[in-house]
N, C-alpha and C. Protein backbone atom coordinates (compact mmCIF):
# COMPACT_ATOMS: atom_id res chain seq x y z
N MET A 1 52.51 -98.61 67.89
CA MET A 1 52.32 -97.19 67.58
C MET A 1 53.60 -96.57 68.07
N ILE A 2 54.33 -95.65 67.48
CA ILE A 2 55.32 -94.71 67.84
C ILE A 2 54.75 -93.45 68.27
N TYR A 3 55.34 -92.93 69.40
CA TYR A 3 54.80 -91.50 69.88
C TYR A 3 56.05 -90.70 69.81
N ILE A 4 55.89 -89.36 69.27
CA ILE A 4 56.93 -88.42 69.41
C ILE A 4 56.24 -87.28 70.11
N GLY A 5 56.78 -87.03 71.35
CA GLY A 5 55.92 -86.13 72.35
C GLY A 5 54.51 -86.75 72.48
N LYS A 6 53.52 -85.93 72.06
CA LYS A 6 52.17 -86.37 72.34
C LYS A 6 51.60 -86.83 70.97
N ARG A 7 52.37 -86.97 70.03
CA ARG A 7 51.79 -87.27 68.57
C ARG A 7 52.00 -88.69 68.38
N GLU A 8 50.99 -89.24 67.66
CA GLU A 8 50.97 -90.67 67.27
C GLU A 8 51.41 -90.61 65.67
N ILE A 9 52.53 -91.57 65.46
CA ILE A 9 52.67 -91.57 63.94
C ILE A 9 52.51 -92.96 63.46
N VAL A 10 52.51 -93.02 62.11
CA VAL A 10 52.40 -94.26 61.42
C VAL A 10 53.46 -95.25 61.81
N THR A 11 53.35 -96.53 62.07
CA THR A 11 54.04 -97.43 62.42
C THR A 11 54.49 -98.61 61.32
N MET A 12 53.56 -99.86 61.61
CA MET A 12 53.91 -100.86 60.88
C MET A 12 53.30 -100.80 59.39
N VAL A 13 54.17 -101.31 58.59
CA VAL A 13 53.78 -101.29 57.17
C VAL A 13 53.88 -102.84 56.66
N ARG A 14 52.78 -103.32 55.98
CA ARG A 14 52.78 -104.57 55.53
C ARG A 14 52.25 -104.55 54.14
N VAL A 15 52.38 -105.58 53.32
CA VAL A 15 51.94 -105.72 51.88
C VAL A 15 51.05 -106.87 51.92
N GLN A 16 49.76 -106.62 51.45
CA GLN A 16 48.86 -107.82 51.46
C GLN A 16 47.76 -107.38 50.46
N GLU A 17 46.99 -108.65 50.04
CA GLU A 17 45.83 -108.59 49.08
C GLU A 17 44.72 -108.04 49.96
N ILE A 18 43.85 -106.87 49.50
CA ILE A 18 42.76 -106.33 50.18
C ILE A 18 41.72 -106.37 49.21
N PRO A 19 40.46 -106.96 49.56
CA PRO A 19 39.17 -106.56 48.92
C PRO A 19 39.23 -105.29 48.33
N LEU A 20 38.81 -105.10 47.06
CA LEU A 20 38.65 -103.66 46.40
C LEU A 20 37.45 -103.01 47.12
N ASN A 21 36.45 -103.72 47.42
CA ASN A 21 35.44 -103.10 48.08
C ASN A 21 35.28 -102.71 49.42
N GLN A 22 36.74 -103.04 50.01
CA GLN A 22 36.92 -102.54 51.31
C GLN A 22 37.80 -101.17 51.45
N ILE A 23 38.21 -100.80 50.34
CA ILE A 23 38.96 -99.48 50.13
C ILE A 23 38.19 -98.49 49.83
N ARG A 24 38.14 -97.42 50.86
CA ARG A 24 37.58 -96.04 50.55
C ARG A 24 38.49 -95.20 49.91
N ARG A 25 37.89 -94.39 48.78
CA ARG A 25 38.64 -93.43 48.15
C ARG A 25 38.11 -92.05 48.28
N PRO A 26 38.42 -91.48 49.48
CA PRO A 26 37.68 -90.07 49.76
C PRO A 26 37.89 -89.08 48.83
N LEU A 27 39.14 -89.15 48.14
CA LEU A 27 39.28 -87.91 47.27
C LEU A 27 39.44 -88.35 45.85
N PRO A 28 38.28 -88.59 45.14
CA PRO A 28 38.24 -89.24 43.73
C PRO A 28 38.96 -88.21 42.78
N ARG A 29 39.57 -88.82 41.73
CA ARG A 29 40.18 -88.09 40.68
C ARG A 29 39.84 -88.74 39.43
N GLN A 30 39.94 -87.80 38.42
CA GLN A 30 39.78 -88.25 36.92
C GLN A 30 41.12 -88.96 36.60
N ASN A 31 41.24 -90.27 36.23
CA ASN A 31 42.11 -91.07 35.60
C ASN A 31 42.28 -90.96 34.29
N ASP A 32 43.60 -91.02 33.62
CA ASP A 32 44.04 -90.94 32.31
C ASP A 32 43.77 -92.19 31.68
N PRO A 33 42.55 -92.43 30.76
CA PRO A 33 42.13 -93.61 30.32
C PRO A 33 43.10 -94.33 29.60
N ASN A 34 44.12 -93.65 29.05
CA ASN A 34 45.17 -94.53 28.35
C ASN A 34 46.16 -95.28 29.30
N LYS A 35 46.34 -94.42 30.26
CA LYS A 35 47.07 -95.13 31.37
C LYS A 35 46.54 -96.40 32.22
N VAL A 36 45.00 -96.08 32.16
CA VAL A 36 44.45 -97.32 32.83
C VAL A 36 44.39 -98.45 31.85
N GLN A 37 44.18 -98.14 30.71
CA GLN A 37 44.23 -99.28 29.78
C GLN A 37 45.51 -99.95 29.62
N ALA A 38 46.72 -99.30 29.67
CA ALA A 38 47.91 -100.00 29.68
C ALA A 38 48.28 -100.55 30.91
N LEU A 39 47.73 -100.15 32.05
CA LEU A 39 47.80 -101.04 33.11
C LEU A 39 47.13 -102.28 33.22
N MET A 40 45.83 -102.09 32.63
CA MET A 40 45.09 -103.31 32.47
C MET A 40 45.60 -104.53 31.64
N GLU A 41 46.39 -103.81 30.64
CA GLU A 41 47.13 -105.06 29.81
C GLU A 41 48.39 -105.65 30.51
N SER A 42 49.01 -104.73 31.22
CA SER A 42 50.10 -105.26 31.92
C SER A 42 49.65 -106.23 33.15
N ILE A 43 48.57 -105.70 33.84
CA ILE A 43 48.20 -106.66 34.91
C ILE A 43 47.65 -107.92 34.52
N ARG A 44 47.05 -107.85 33.32
CA ARG A 44 46.38 -109.16 32.55
C ARG A 44 47.61 -110.02 32.24
N GLU A 45 48.62 -109.54 31.75
CA GLU A 45 49.69 -110.29 31.39
C GLU A 45 50.84 -110.75 32.46
N ILE A 46 51.13 -109.83 33.28
CA ILE A 46 52.03 -110.03 34.12
C ILE A 46 51.62 -110.02 35.74
N GLY A 47 50.61 -109.67 35.89
CA GLY A 47 49.96 -109.28 37.30
C GLY A 47 50.43 -108.03 37.88
N GLN A 48 49.73 -107.59 38.79
CA GLN A 48 50.16 -106.38 39.61
C GLN A 48 51.42 -106.43 40.16
N GLN A 49 52.26 -105.55 39.63
CA GLN A 49 53.91 -105.49 40.12
C GLN A 49 54.04 -104.60 41.29
N GLU A 50 53.30 -103.28 41.32
CA GLU A 50 53.57 -102.47 42.35
C GLU A 50 52.20 -102.30 43.32
N PRO A 51 52.30 -102.57 44.57
CA PRO A 51 51.11 -102.35 45.40
C PRO A 51 50.72 -100.79 45.39
N ILE A 52 49.44 -100.54 45.71
CA ILE A 52 49.01 -99.23 45.90
C ILE A 52 49.27 -98.79 47.40
N ASP A 53 49.10 -97.81 47.83
CA ASP A 53 49.38 -97.45 48.98
C ASP A 53 47.97 -97.04 49.94
N VAL A 54 47.92 -97.68 51.00
CA VAL A 54 46.55 -97.43 51.86
C VAL A 54 46.90 -97.18 53.04
N ILE A 55 46.10 -96.41 53.84
CA ILE A 55 46.32 -96.46 55.35
C ILE A 55 45.11 -97.01 56.08
N GLU A 56 45.33 -97.56 57.16
CA GLU A 56 44.15 -98.36 57.91
C GLU A 56 43.99 -97.70 59.09
N VAL A 57 42.83 -97.25 59.32
CA VAL A 57 42.41 -96.43 60.47
C VAL A 57 41.14 -97.22 61.23
N ASP A 58 41.31 -97.57 62.30
CA ASP A 58 40.12 -98.34 62.87
C ASP A 58 39.61 -99.40 62.17
N GLY A 59 40.46 -100.22 61.36
CA GLY A 59 40.02 -101.28 60.57
C GLY A 59 39.41 -101.00 59.24
N GLN A 60 39.46 -99.69 58.86
CA GLN A 60 38.96 -99.40 57.65
C GLN A 60 40.35 -98.93 56.73
N TYR A 61 40.09 -99.29 55.47
CA TYR A 61 41.13 -98.92 54.70
C TYR A 61 40.85 -97.69 53.73
N TYR A 62 41.89 -96.61 53.66
CA TYR A 62 41.81 -95.59 52.85
C TYR A 62 42.65 -95.36 51.56
N GLY A 63 42.36 -95.24 50.58
CA GLY A 63 43.26 -95.17 49.42
C GLY A 63 43.42 -93.72 49.00
N PHE A 64 44.70 -93.26 48.88
CA PHE A 64 45.11 -91.94 48.43
C PHE A 64 46.15 -91.89 47.19
N SER A 65 46.49 -93.10 46.96
CA SER A 65 47.47 -93.16 45.77
C SER A 65 47.20 -94.53 45.04
N GLY A 66 47.83 -94.74 43.85
CA GLY A 66 47.45 -95.75 43.06
C GLY A 66 46.15 -95.97 42.42
N CYS A 67 45.61 -94.59 42.21
CA CYS A 67 44.20 -94.49 41.49
C CYS A 67 44.15 -95.24 40.23
N HIS A 68 45.22 -95.21 39.11
CA HIS A 68 45.23 -95.97 37.95
C HIS A 68 45.27 -97.34 38.25
N ARG A 69 45.99 -97.96 39.21
CA ARG A 69 45.97 -99.44 39.52
C ARG A 69 44.72 -99.67 39.83
N TYR A 70 44.20 -99.09 40.82
CA TYR A 70 42.93 -99.35 41.48
C TYR A 70 41.78 -99.48 40.27
N GLU A 71 41.62 -98.60 39.32
CA GLU A 71 40.81 -98.59 38.32
C GLU A 71 41.00 -99.70 37.47
N ALA A 72 42.18 -99.93 37.17
CA ALA A 72 42.48 -100.89 36.28
C ALA A 72 42.05 -102.40 36.88
N CYS A 73 42.30 -102.61 38.13
CA CYS A 73 42.05 -103.83 38.84
C CYS A 73 40.46 -104.06 38.66
N GLN A 74 39.74 -102.87 39.21
CA GLN A 74 38.33 -102.90 39.10
C GLN A 74 37.69 -103.37 37.87
N ARG A 75 38.33 -102.57 36.59
CA ARG A 75 37.74 -102.88 35.24
C ARG A 75 38.05 -104.33 35.02
N LEU A 76 39.14 -104.93 35.26
CA LEU A 76 39.46 -106.29 35.22
C LEU A 76 38.61 -107.22 35.80
N GLY A 77 37.82 -106.72 36.69
CA GLY A 77 36.99 -107.72 37.46
C GLY A 77 37.76 -108.41 38.71
N LYS A 78 38.78 -107.78 39.21
CA LYS A 78 39.66 -108.54 40.19
C LYS A 78 38.82 -108.09 41.51
N GLU A 79 38.91 -108.93 42.36
CA GLU A 79 38.24 -108.89 43.65
C GLU A 79 39.25 -108.17 44.83
N THR A 80 40.34 -108.47 44.56
CA THR A 80 41.29 -107.84 45.47
C THR A 80 42.56 -107.26 44.70
N ILE A 81 43.28 -106.31 45.56
CA ILE A 81 44.45 -105.66 44.93
C ILE A 81 45.58 -105.81 46.10
N LEU A 82 46.85 -105.86 45.63
CA LEU A 82 47.87 -105.82 46.33
C LEU A 82 48.14 -104.25 46.86
N ALA A 83 48.28 -104.29 48.13
CA ALA A 83 48.44 -102.95 48.66
C ALA A 83 49.38 -102.97 49.75
N ARG A 84 50.11 -101.75 49.95
CA ARG A 84 50.98 -101.58 51.00
C ARG A 84 50.21 -100.86 52.21
N VAL A 85 50.11 -101.41 53.14
CA VAL A 85 49.09 -101.04 54.31
C VAL A 85 49.81 -100.22 55.43
N ARG A 86 49.56 -98.99 55.79
CA ARG A 86 50.34 -98.34 57.04
C ARG A 86 49.08 -98.23 57.95
N LYS A 87 49.16 -98.87 59.21
CA LYS A 87 48.33 -98.51 60.12
C LYS A 87 48.54 -97.11 60.72
N ALA A 88 47.40 -96.44 60.88
CA ALA A 88 47.63 -94.97 61.31
C ALA A 88 46.41 -94.50 62.20
N PRO A 89 46.69 -93.48 63.16
CA PRO A 89 45.69 -93.07 63.99
C PRO A 89 44.74 -92.05 62.98
N LYS A 90 43.52 -91.60 63.50
CA LYS A 90 42.62 -90.78 62.78
C LYS A 90 43.31 -89.62 62.46
N SER A 91 44.30 -89.05 63.23
CA SER A 91 44.96 -87.67 63.03
C SER A 91 45.52 -87.74 61.77
N VAL A 92 46.14 -88.83 61.27
CA VAL A 92 46.89 -88.93 59.96
C VAL A 92 45.86 -88.95 58.73
N LEU A 93 44.77 -89.68 59.05
CA LEU A 93 43.61 -89.53 57.94
C LEU A 93 43.29 -88.17 57.82
N MET A 94 43.08 -87.40 58.85
CA MET A 94 42.46 -86.04 58.77
C MET A 94 43.58 -85.09 58.00
N LYS A 95 44.69 -85.33 58.17
CA LYS A 95 45.87 -84.61 57.35
C LYS A 95 45.76 -84.89 55.83
N HIS A 96 45.36 -86.17 55.55
CA HIS A 96 45.18 -86.46 54.07
C HIS A 96 43.93 -85.84 53.56
N LEU A 97 42.91 -85.61 54.39
CA LEU A 97 41.73 -85.04 53.97
C LEU A 97 41.69 -83.47 53.97
N ALA A 98 42.64 -82.88 54.50
CA ALA A 98 42.67 -81.48 54.64
C ALA A 98 43.06 -80.69 53.53
């Protein structure tokens, strides 16, 4: 963890496969069905090329981007998704939820 003054900031970033059922999506959004369908076809043909972004807080994953890729993988019946994981303190999570 890196500290600037008394503030903690996000440090380590890694790319890994994460079980879809372990990712919380606290800010659900309405996805474009055409984009989801196109991503499903692409993922089926060549695999997931771009990881989604998640933050890890106290061992729990939270997704705030990659909504279309997340839904496409769900609808394809995938158990895991490629994710760029940033470990962060709760203060960072709260800023995303504000």
